Protein backbone atom coordinates (compact mmCIF):
# COMPACT_ATOMS: atom_id res chain seq x y z
CA MET A 1 -58.80 19.52 -90.72
CA ALA A 2 -56.24 18.61 -92.31
CA PRO A 3 -54.93 15.61 -93.63
CA ARG A 4 -51.75 13.86 -92.71
CA GLN A 5 -48.81 15.18 -94.17
CA LEU A 6 -45.60 12.43 -94.98
CA HIS A 7 -42.37 13.14 -93.21
CA LEU A 8 -38.82 12.30 -94.96
CA ASN A 9 -35.51 12.89 -93.49
CA VAL A 10 -32.64 11.87 -94.87
CA ASN A 11 -30.08 9.83 -92.84
CA THR A 12 -26.88 10.72 -94.58
CA LEU A 13 -24.70 7.19 -94.56
CA ASN A 14 -21.33 8.50 -95.38
CA ALA A 15 -21.15 7.21 -98.77
CA GLY A 16 -24.73 5.78 -98.82
CA PHE A 17 -25.94 2.72 -96.99
CA TYR A 18 -24.49 -0.44 -98.61
CA SER A 19 -21.27 -1.25 -97.34
CA SER A 20 -19.60 -1.50 -100.97
CA ALA A 21 -21.24 2.60 -101.48
CA TRP A 22 -18.02 3.98 -101.49
CA ARG A 23 -16.76 1.65 -104.55
CA ALA A 24 -19.45 2.40 -106.40
CA PRO A 25 -18.45 4.41 -110.21
CA SER A 26 -20.18 7.76 -109.32
CA SER A 27 -18.80 7.72 -105.08
CA ASP A 28 -15.62 9.69 -103.63
CA PRO A 29 -13.94 7.42 -101.79
CA ARG A 30 -13.09 10.26 -99.61
CA ALA A 31 -16.16 12.28 -98.64
CA TYR A 32 -16.98 10.87 -95.89
CA ALA A 33 -14.36 12.90 -94.74
CA ASP A 34 -15.75 15.74 -96.53
CA ILE A 35 -17.90 18.81 -95.55
CA ALA A 36 -18.63 19.50 -99.27
CA HIS A 37 -20.37 15.64 -99.59
CA TYR A 38 -22.62 16.48 -96.38
CA VAL A 39 -23.43 19.82 -98.01
CA LYS A 40 -24.63 18.87 -101.36
CA VAL A 41 -26.40 15.52 -99.75
CA ALA A 42 -28.02 18.49 -97.00
CA GLN A 43 -29.48 20.82 -101.11
CA ILE A 44 -30.54 18.07 -102.82
CA ALA A 45 -32.66 17.17 -99.66
CA GLU A 46 -34.10 20.64 -99.05
CA ARG A 47 -35.03 20.75 -102.92
CA GLY A 48 -36.83 18.04 -102.14
CA THR A 49 -38.25 19.37 -99.60
CA PHE A 50 -37.64 16.83 -97.26
CA ASP A 51 -37.80 17.92 -93.46
CA ALA A 52 -34.22 17.35 -91.78
CA ILE A 53 -30.87 15.93 -93.06
CA PHE A 54 -30.40 12.66 -89.89
CA LEU A 55 -26.33 12.11 -88.76
CA ALA A 56 -25.34 8.72 -87.15
CA ASP A 57 -22.49 9.26 -84.61
CA VAL A 58 -20.13 6.69 -83.08
CA PRO A 59 -17.19 8.52 -81.45
CA ALA A 60 -14.29 6.04 -82.18
CA PHE A 61 -12.44 4.09 -85.08
CA SER A 62 -14.41 0.87 -85.02
CA ASP A 63 -16.25 -1.21 -87.76
CA ARG A 64 -14.38 -2.36 -90.39
CA PRO A 65 -11.78 0.80 -91.78
CA ASP A 66 -10.27 -1.57 -93.29
CA LEU A 67 -12.75 -2.10 -96.16
CA ARG A 68 -15.21 0.89 -95.52
CA PRO A 69 -15.82 4.59 -94.63
CA PHE A 70 -17.59 5.51 -91.38
CA GLN A 71 -18.84 7.97 -89.25
CA ALA A 72 -15.30 10.24 -88.52
CA LEU A 73 -16.39 13.57 -88.57
CA GLU A 74 -18.76 15.81 -86.11
CA PRO A 75 -22.27 15.92 -85.65
CA THR A 76 -22.62 19.67 -84.99
CA ILE A 77 -19.22 20.49 -86.66
CA VAL A 78 -20.87 19.43 -90.04
CA LEU A 79 -25.24 20.70 -89.48
CA ALA A 80 -23.52 23.98 -88.30
CA HIS A 81 -21.93 24.28 -91.81
CA VAL A 82 -25.03 22.58 -93.52
CA ALA A 83 -26.51 25.38 -92.06
CA ALA A 84 -24.75 27.57 -93.65
CA ALA A 85 -25.83 26.45 -97.18
CA THR A 86 -29.45 25.66 -96.70
CA GLU A 87 -32.60 27.22 -95.24
CA HIS A 88 -35.00 24.86 -94.05
CA LEU A 89 -34.09 21.67 -93.52
CA GLY A 90 -33.77 20.29 -89.95
CA LEU A 91 -30.58 19.61 -89.13
CA ILE A 92 -30.48 16.33 -86.66
CA GLY A 93 -27.28 14.94 -84.96
CA THR A 94 -26.39 12.46 -82.32
CA ALA A 95 -24.78 12.57 -79.78
CA SER A 96 -24.23 9.78 -77.20
CA THR A 97 -25.29 10.13 -73.39
CA SER A 98 -22.88 7.86 -72.01
CA PHE A 99 -19.52 9.96 -73.38
CA ASN A 100 -20.29 13.09 -73.42
CA ASP A 101 -21.38 15.86 -70.59
CA PRO A 102 -25.28 17.17 -70.28
CA TYR A 103 -24.66 21.22 -69.77
CA ASN A 104 -21.49 21.04 -72.69
CA LEU A 105 -24.37 19.10 -74.88
CA ALA A 106 -27.48 21.66 -73.83
CA ARG A 107 -24.59 24.81 -74.92
CA ARG A 108 -23.73 22.76 -78.60
CA PHE A 109 -26.96 22.06 -79.54
CA ALA A 110 -28.64 25.45 -78.28
CA SER A 111 -25.85 27.49 -80.46
CA LEU A 112 -26.55 25.67 -82.96
CA ASP A 113 -30.18 25.98 -82.64
CA ILE A 114 -30.13 29.13 -83.07
CA ALA A 115 -27.48 29.91 -85.60
CA SER A 116 -29.79 27.73 -87.93
CA ASN A 117 -32.91 29.63 -86.72
CA GLY A 118 -34.15 26.62 -84.87
CA ARG A 119 -33.62 23.92 -86.86
CA VAL A 120 -32.01 21.56 -84.41
CA GLY A 121 -32.82 18.07 -83.45
CA TRP A 122 -31.08 15.80 -80.49
CA ASN A 123 -30.42 11.92 -81.51
CA ILE A 124 -30.36 10.81 -78.20
CA VAL A 125 -28.10 7.95 -77.93
CA THR A 126 -26.34 5.74 -75.41
CA THR A 127 -23.82 4.06 -77.18
CA ALA A 128 -23.59 0.24 -77.91
CA ASP A 129 -20.23 0.42 -79.21
CA ALA A 130 -17.20 -1.06 -76.42
CA SER A 131 -14.63 0.54 -78.68
CA ALA A 132 -15.89 4.18 -77.72
CA ALA A 133 -15.94 3.23 -74.32
CA ARG A 134 -11.94 2.70 -74.34
CA ASN A 135 -11.78 6.08 -75.68
CA PHE A 136 -13.41 7.11 -72.57
CA GLY A 137 -11.07 5.92 -69.80
CA THR A 138 -13.00 2.98 -69.12
CA ASP A 139 -12.24 -0.76 -70.60
CA GLU A 140 -15.92 -1.99 -71.13
CA LEU A 141 -19.20 -0.07 -71.86
CA GLU A 142 -22.01 -0.10 -68.83
CA ALA A 143 -25.14 -2.40 -68.71
CA HIS A 144 -27.60 -1.63 -70.79
CA ALA A 145 -29.93 -0.85 -68.18
CA ASN A 146 -26.87 1.41 -66.50
CA ARG A 147 -26.74 3.14 -69.60
CA TYR A 148 -31.06 3.76 -70.30
CA GLU A 149 -31.13 4.53 -66.78
CA ARG A 150 -27.84 8.16 -67.44
CA ALA A 151 -29.33 8.70 -70.83
CA ASP A 152 -33.10 9.12 -69.23
CA GLU A 153 -31.92 11.28 -66.54
CA PHE A 154 -29.80 13.35 -69.07
CA ALA A 155 -32.00 14.57 -70.74
CA ASP A 156 -34.02 15.29 -67.89
CA VAL A 157 -31.34 17.93 -67.40
CA VAL A 158 -30.32 18.74 -71.34
CA THR A 159 -34.46 20.10 -71.51
CA ALA A 160 -34.20 21.62 -67.75
CA LEU A 161 -31.16 23.03 -68.88
CA TRP A 162 -32.95 24.85 -72.18
CA ASP A 163 -36.72 26.23 -70.46
CA SER A 164 -33.86 28.10 -67.92
CA TRP A 165 -34.12 30.96 -70.30
CA GLU A 166 -38.00 32.45 -70.43
CA ASP A 167 -38.44 33.77 -74.02
CA ASP A 168 -39.01 36.98 -72.90
CA ALA A 169 -35.48 36.60 -70.60
CA PHE A 170 -33.63 39.35 -72.54
CA VAL A 171 -34.14 42.94 -72.45
CA GLY A 172 -31.56 44.88 -74.01
CA ASP A 173 -32.41 48.67 -73.13
CA LYS A 174 -29.09 51.43 -74.44
CA GLY A 175 -31.40 53.84 -72.15
CA THR A 176 -31.74 51.88 -68.49
CA GLY A 177 -28.80 49.86 -69.19
CA HIS A 178 -30.80 46.68 -68.15
CA PHE A 179 -29.49 43.15 -70.29
CA ILE A 180 -31.02 40.38 -69.11
CA ASP A 181 -33.79 40.17 -66.14
CA THR A 182 -31.97 37.26 -64.25
CA ALA A 183 -35.78 37.05 -63.41
CA LYS A 184 -36.20 35.34 -66.27
CA VAL A 185 -33.29 33.15 -66.28
CA HIS A 186 -33.50 29.87 -63.34
CA PRO A 187 -31.20 27.24 -61.97
CA ILE A 188 -32.04 24.00 -62.62
CA GLU A 189 -30.81 22.81 -59.21
CA HIS A 190 -30.27 19.56 -60.67
CA ARG A 191 -29.03 16.82 -57.50
CA GLY A 192 -30.07 13.47 -59.31
CA ARG A 193 -27.99 9.67 -59.80
CA HIS A 194 -25.49 10.23 -62.31
CA PHE A 195 -25.75 14.48 -62.43
CA SER A 196 -24.74 17.14 -59.73
CA VAL A 197 -26.28 20.61 -62.22
CA ARG A 198 -27.05 24.05 -60.62
CA GLY A 199 -27.72 25.89 -64.59
CA PRO A 200 -28.92 27.92 -65.61
CA LEU A 201 -27.82 27.79 -69.21
CA ASN A 202 -25.48 30.95 -71.02
CA VAL A 203 -27.84 30.03 -73.84
CA PRO A 204 -30.75 31.81 -74.44
CA ARG A 205 -33.63 30.17 -76.51
CA SER A 206 -34.69 29.43 -79.84
CA VAL A 207 -36.63 30.14 -82.28
CA GLN A 208 -38.24 26.94 -82.28
CA GLY A 209 -38.21 27.05 -78.22
CA ARG A 210 -35.60 23.80 -77.64
CA PRO A 211 -33.93 21.81 -80.54
CA VAL A 212 -36.07 18.48 -81.08
CA LEU A 213 -36.10 15.80 -78.95
CA VAL A 214 -35.44 12.53 -80.93
CA GLN A 215 -34.87 8.91 -79.73
CA ALA A 216 -33.51 5.46 -82.18
CA GLY A 217 -33.35 2.79 -79.63
CA GLY A 218 -35.89 -0.12 -80.04
CA SER A 219 -35.05 -2.21 -77.17
CA ALA A 220 -37.16 -1.95 -73.93
CA ASP A 221 -34.90 -0.07 -72.52
CA GLY A 222 -35.20 2.68 -75.63
CA ILE A 223 -38.72 2.21 -76.00
CA ARG A 224 -39.29 3.86 -72.27
CA LEU A 225 -37.26 6.33 -72.90
CA ALA A 226 -39.11 6.83 -76.14
CA ALA A 227 -41.22 7.68 -74.69
CA ARG A 228 -40.87 10.15 -71.52
CA HIS A 229 -38.67 11.58 -73.67
CA ALA A 230 -39.13 11.41 -77.62
CA GLU A 231 -41.15 13.79 -79.64
CA ALA A 232 -39.78 11.80 -83.08
CA ILE A 233 -38.13 8.06 -83.27
CA PHE A 234 -36.19 6.30 -85.69
CA SER A 235 -37.33 3.32 -85.65
CA VAL A 236 -36.41 -0.61 -87.17
CA ALA A 237 -39.50 -2.24 -88.92
CA HIS A 238 -39.07 -4.90 -91.67
CA THR A 239 -42.85 -5.66 -91.84
CA LEU A 240 -46.07 -3.36 -91.25
CA GLU A 241 -46.95 -5.49 -88.35
CA GLU A 242 -44.30 -4.87 -87.24
CA ALA A 243 -44.51 -1.23 -87.55
CA LEU A 244 -47.67 -1.17 -85.49
CA ALA A 245 -47.10 -3.06 -83.03
CA PHE A 246 -44.37 -0.56 -82.85
CA ALA A 247 -46.25 2.30 -82.66
CA GLY A 248 -48.69 1.22 -80.47
CA SER A 249 -46.26 -0.08 -77.47
CA VAL A 250 -44.23 3.56 -77.40
CA ARG A 251 -47.92 5.40 -78.26
CA THR A 252 -49.36 3.91 -75.37
CA GLN A 253 -46.36 3.86 -72.62
CA ALA A 254 -45.75 7.89 -73.86
CA ARG A 255 -49.69 7.99 -72.11
CA THR A 256 -49.03 7.04 -68.46
CA PHE A 257 -45.86 9.95 -68.55
CA GLY A 258 -48.69 12.47 -69.74
CA ARG A 259 -47.96 12.30 -73.10
CA ASN A 260 -50.22 13.14 -76.49
CA GLY A 261 -48.18 9.65 -77.85
CA ASP A 262 -50.12 10.78 -81.36
CA ASP A 263 -48.06 13.53 -81.24
CA ILE A 264 -44.62 11.62 -81.55
CA VAL A 265 -43.40 11.57 -84.71
CA ILE A 266 -42.32 7.96 -86.09
CA LEU A 267 -40.18 6.98 -88.89
CA PRO A 268 -38.86 3.53 -89.63
CA GLY A 269 -35.59 3.50 -91.46
CA LEU A 270 -36.11 2.65 -95.43
CA ALA A 271 -33.03 1.86 -97.91
CA ALA A 272 -34.09 2.81 -101.44
CA ILE A 273 -32.40 0.91 -103.98
CA ILE A 274 -34.21 2.43 -107.61
CA GLY A 275 -34.08 1.69 -110.95
CA SER A 276 -36.73 2.73 -113.94
CA THR A 277 -37.70 -0.55 -114.42
CA GLU A 278 -37.62 -3.80 -112.14
CA ALA A 279 -34.76 -5.49 -113.88
CA GLU A 280 -32.62 -2.26 -113.49
CA ALA A 281 -32.83 -1.74 -109.72
CA ARG A 282 -32.32 -5.54 -109.07
CA ARG A 283 -28.90 -5.67 -111.09
CA ARG A 284 -28.41 -2.52 -109.49
CA GLU A 285 -28.41 -3.93 -106.16
CA GLU A 286 -26.86 -7.58 -107.41
CA GLU A 287 -23.73 -4.86 -108.71
CA LEU A 288 -23.22 -3.28 -104.61
CA TRP A 289 -23.12 -6.69 -103.12
CA ALA A 290 -20.98 -7.83 -105.54
CA LEU A 291 -17.91 -5.20 -104.13
CA THR A 292 -19.06 -6.36 -100.73
CA PRO A 293 -15.86 -7.30 -99.58
CA GLY A 294 -16.02 -11.55 -99.04
CA ASP A 295 -16.63 -11.64 -94.92
CA TYR A 296 -17.94 -8.54 -94.74
CA GLY A 297 -21.32 -9.75 -94.07
CA LEU A 298 -20.61 -12.36 -91.88
CA ARG A 299 -18.60 -10.65 -89.65
CA ARG A 300 -21.39 -7.97 -89.52
CA VAL A 301 -24.37 -10.25 -88.80
CA ALA A 302 -21.66 -12.27 -85.86
CA GLY A 303 -21.52 -9.14 -84.40
CA ILE A 304 -25.22 -8.70 -84.13
CA LEU A 305 -25.52 -11.74 -82.60
CA LYS A 306 -22.46 -12.05 -80.86
CA VAL A 307 -20.91 -15.32 -82.01
CA ASP A 308 -18.31 -16.28 -83.22
CA PRO A 309 -18.51 -15.98 -86.94
CA ALA A 310 -17.02 -19.54 -87.08
CA SER A 311 -19.60 -21.19 -85.69
CA LEU A 312 -22.39 -20.13 -88.17
CA ASP A 313 -22.84 -22.76 -91.41
CA LEU A 314 -23.80 -20.40 -93.80
CA ASP A 315 -26.39 -23.01 -95.11
CA GLY A 316 -27.77 -23.95 -92.28
CA PRO A 317 -30.75 -22.12 -89.95
CA LEU A 318 -29.55 -19.76 -87.94
CA PRO A 319 -28.76 -21.25 -84.22
CA ASP A 320 -30.79 -20.62 -81.15
CA VAL A 321 -28.23 -17.58 -79.84
CA ALA A 322 -29.83 -15.78 -76.32
CA ARG A 323 -30.22 -12.55 -77.13
CA PRO A 324 -27.18 -9.94 -75.75
CA VAL A 325 -28.20 -8.29 -71.93
CA ASP A 326 -25.93 -5.16 -73.74
CA GLY A 327 -24.85 -4.81 -77.41
CA MET A 328 -27.18 -4.05 -80.80
CA GLN A 329 -30.53 -5.35 -79.54
CA THR A 330 -33.22 -3.69 -81.89
CA PHE A 331 -30.72 -4.95 -84.56
CA PHE A 332 -30.41 -8.01 -83.09
CA ASP A 333 -34.48 -9.31 -83.02
CA ALA A 334 -34.69 -8.19 -86.53
CA LEU A 335 -32.28 -10.41 -88.08
CA VAL A 336 -33.78 -12.89 -85.85
CA GLY A 337 -37.16 -12.08 -86.49
CA ALA A 338 -36.37 -12.17 -90.29
CA ALA A 339 -33.95 -15.47 -89.91
CA ASP A 340 -37.53 -17.07 -87.99
CA ARG A 341 -39.91 -15.81 -90.45
CA GLU A 342 -38.69 -16.10 -93.71
CA LYS A 343 -37.14 -19.93 -92.42
CA LEU A 344 -33.61 -18.02 -93.66
CA THR A 345 -30.81 -19.71 -93.67
CA VAL A 346 -27.75 -17.98 -92.70
CA ARG A 347 -26.15 -17.18 -96.44
CA GLN A 348 -29.87 -15.13 -96.74
CA LEU A 349 -29.45 -13.59 -93.79
CA ILE A 350 -25.87 -12.42 -94.46
CA ARG A 351 -27.50 -10.99 -98.01
CA ARG A 352 -30.51 -8.79 -95.78
CA PHE A 353 -28.24 -7.57 -92.39
CA GLY A 354 -24.71 -8.43 -93.80
CA GLY A 355 -24.03 -5.49 -96.67
CA SER A 356 -26.11 -2.90 -95.37
CA THR A 357 -28.36 -1.52 -91.96
CA GLY A 358 -30.09 -3.95 -91.35
CA HIS A 359 -33.67 -1.86 -92.01
CA ARG A 360 -35.41 -2.49 -94.46
CA VAL A 361 -34.66 -3.13 -97.90
CA ILE A 362 -37.29 -1.33 -101.23
CA VAL A 363 -35.93 -2.63 -104.68
CA GLY A 364 -38.11 -1.60 -108.22
CA THR A 365 -39.30 1.44 -110.22
CA PRO A 366 -39.99 4.95 -108.72
CA GLU A 367 -43.48 3.66 -108.71
CA ALA A 368 -43.37 0.96 -106.64
CA ILE A 369 -40.88 2.35 -104.46
CA ALA A 370 -44.03 4.85 -103.84
CA ASP A 371 -46.04 3.04 -103.99
CA ASP A 372 -44.79 0.66 -100.57
CA ILE A 373 -44.58 4.10 -98.72
CA GLU A 374 -47.93 5.07 -99.08
CA ALA A 375 -49.56 2.00 -97.52
CA TRP A 376 -47.39 2.10 -94.48
CA PHE A 377 -48.15 5.74 -94.15
CA THR A 378 -51.98 5.27 -95.00
CA ALA A 379 -52.40 1.64 -92.53
CA GLY A 380 -51.00 4.61 -90.36
CA ALA A 381 -48.03 2.66 -89.21
CA VAL A 382 -45.48 5.57 -89.84
CA ASP A 383 -45.55 9.16 -90.26
CA GLY A 384 -42.58 8.51 -92.56
CA PHE A 385 -39.31 7.55 -92.98
CA ASN A 386 -35.57 7.82 -92.42
CA LEU A 387 -34.45 7.41 -95.42
CA MET A 388 -31.22 5.94 -96.51
CA PRO A 389 -30.49 6.42 -100.37
CA ASP A 390 -28.20 2.54 -101.91
CA VAL A 391 -25.33 5.74 -103.01
CA LEU A 392 -24.94 9.53 -102.25
CA PRO A 393 -25.77 11.41 -103.52
CA GLU A 394 -26.96 9.31 -106.56
CA GLY A 395 -29.41 7.51 -105.24
CA LEU A 396 -30.91 10.79 -103.12
CA GLU A 397 -30.44 12.84 -106.36
CA VAL A 398 -32.62 9.32 -108.37
CA PHE A 399 -35.38 9.65 -105.18
CA VAL A 400 -35.95 13.37 -105.10
CA ASP A 401 -36.02 13.26 -109.27
CA HIS A 402 -38.53 10.97 -109.34
CA VAL A 403 -40.02 9.34 -106.33
CA VAL A 404 -40.79 12.77 -104.46
CA PRO A 405 -43.04 14.36 -108.03
CA LEU A 406 -45.25 11.00 -107.38
CA LEU A 407 -46.03 11.59 -103.84
CA ARG A 408 -46.74 15.16 -104.26
CA LYS A 409 -49.39 14.42 -107.18
CA ARG A 410 -50.52 11.43 -104.76
CA GLY A 411 -50.98 14.40 -101.72
CA LEU A 412 -49.11 12.67 -99.57
CA PHE A 413 -45.69 15.38 -99.57
CA ARG A 414 -45.51 18.90 -99.33
CA THR A 415 -44.62 20.91 -102.13
CA HIS A 416 -42.75 23.86 -100.82
CA TYR A 417 -41.90 24.78 -97.07
CA SER A 418 -44.69 26.46 -95.10
CA GLY A 419 -42.55 26.64 -91.72
CA ARG A 420 -39.10 27.82 -91.11
CA THR A 421 -38.18 24.98 -88.00
CA LEU A 422 -37.32 22.20 -87.45
CA ARG A 423 -40.65 21.67 -85.31
CA GLU A 424 -42.96 22.98 -88.16
CA HIS A 425 -41.30 21.17 -90.45
CA PHE A 426 -42.74 17.43 -88.09
CA GLY A 427 -46.17 19.15 -87.52
CA LEU A 428 -44.82 19.98 -83.14
CA PRO A 429 -45.61 22.65 -81.23
CA ARG A 430 -43.26 25.08 -79.35
CA PRO A 431 -42.36 24.17 -75.94
CA ALA A 432 -42.75 26.76 -73.19
CA SER A 433 -40.63 26.85 -70.58
CA ARG A 434 -41.64 25.25 -67.38
CA PHE A 435 -39.95 27.64 -65.81
CA ALA A 436 -42.90 30.55 -67.30
CA PRO A 437 -45.73 31.78 -65.16
CA GLY A 438 -48.14 29.08 -65.68
CA THR A 439 -45.77 26.13 -66.24
CA ALA A 440 -45.17 23.70 -63.79
CA VAL A 441 -42.07 23.78 -62.82
CA CYS A 442 -39.71 20.13 -62.26
CA ALA A 443 -38.57 19.23 -58.90
CA PRO A 444 -34.80 19.18 -58.50
CA ARG A 445 -34.18 15.18 -58.82
CA ILE A 446 -31.73 14.61 -55.59
CA ALA A 447 -29.47 10.88 -55.84
CA ALA A 448 -30.85 9.43 -52.46
CA GLY A 449 -34.97 9.72 -54.04
CA ARG A 450 -34.42 8.70 -57.71
């Protein structure tokens, strides 16, 4: 049996995971809206034999655009350019189930999957940003549970559409004039509470069958959605114990849906600040923190907690705060968990969560970073990481040139690509169309019976 292989994605948060990354000496402030920036990051990741580049997305002018870059460009457009400039790297894009239509989304990602020769994944999100709702005709977000109910049905529709063609439906026989075997292209006849979609899709299946389904929410509803649909999960874990508990929970729930939970690839976020010495790495961290605007961190922490910033005593403990019914429940849990576990003051929490992403941050030499990654991986808590360099592309280059060789030397990470598709990179099977002979056809969902 082949040994487990570490998986690495690069989470391309425009200038880097630090809110001040765009102000670093090596950064180009215009990079957030420059396709060439994302292509360069992808090419560095491919040189490091990463599994994929990952693009987050919020369809709104939100956060603090007066102080930092944001996710401006539509992910599938960026990934189409990246696909043309790379050969092996996987391409994972975020698209919201709250503000998209299943047919159009299925068609867009299937087209990109064909264009890239099977390297695409869709990150399923429900969007917790209220300003996004106002861009799509509503004054406020749907309730958390409702958003996830819609997402569950949305994923059902999209996967059915991706399966609506059997692999051999294309004929293309010039002699007989027979182009498509329409008996092998199937309407999905979906009727549910949120959607009514007849199908079929007008795009055939790709070489990897269909795009990989990815999910990135850690609430109870998010874990259920992941357990039912996700083939890879981007999680938040600040301790090894949290990572082990999350992996156990999602794999156990997946089995209740008749899935093999061990096949799910679990990739928590990992932010890295690397220096040739510990002191150099700490100095780099201090420099990035010093460039962070004064009130940005406080407002970010208050936003996660959904409280008035003025209600927080910087040098006191975190007050008792009710878990938001809506909003960023995953990062709320991470922040409150850290405050309770480590007895952190609000000022310390701002330092931990206010200048970066809220994911785990490690600061140190390449050897220390490699040691940390190896410890989590060999403990079975993770299958790899969604890496967030401090500054892009500089931080990724340092990781590829100095950490990746150590991981390879330890036998943890590939030295070359052995496959071409994202499924092959992740070690995932190629799914058969549910409509193919010998494969169970999913029944249509009826609104009244949901």
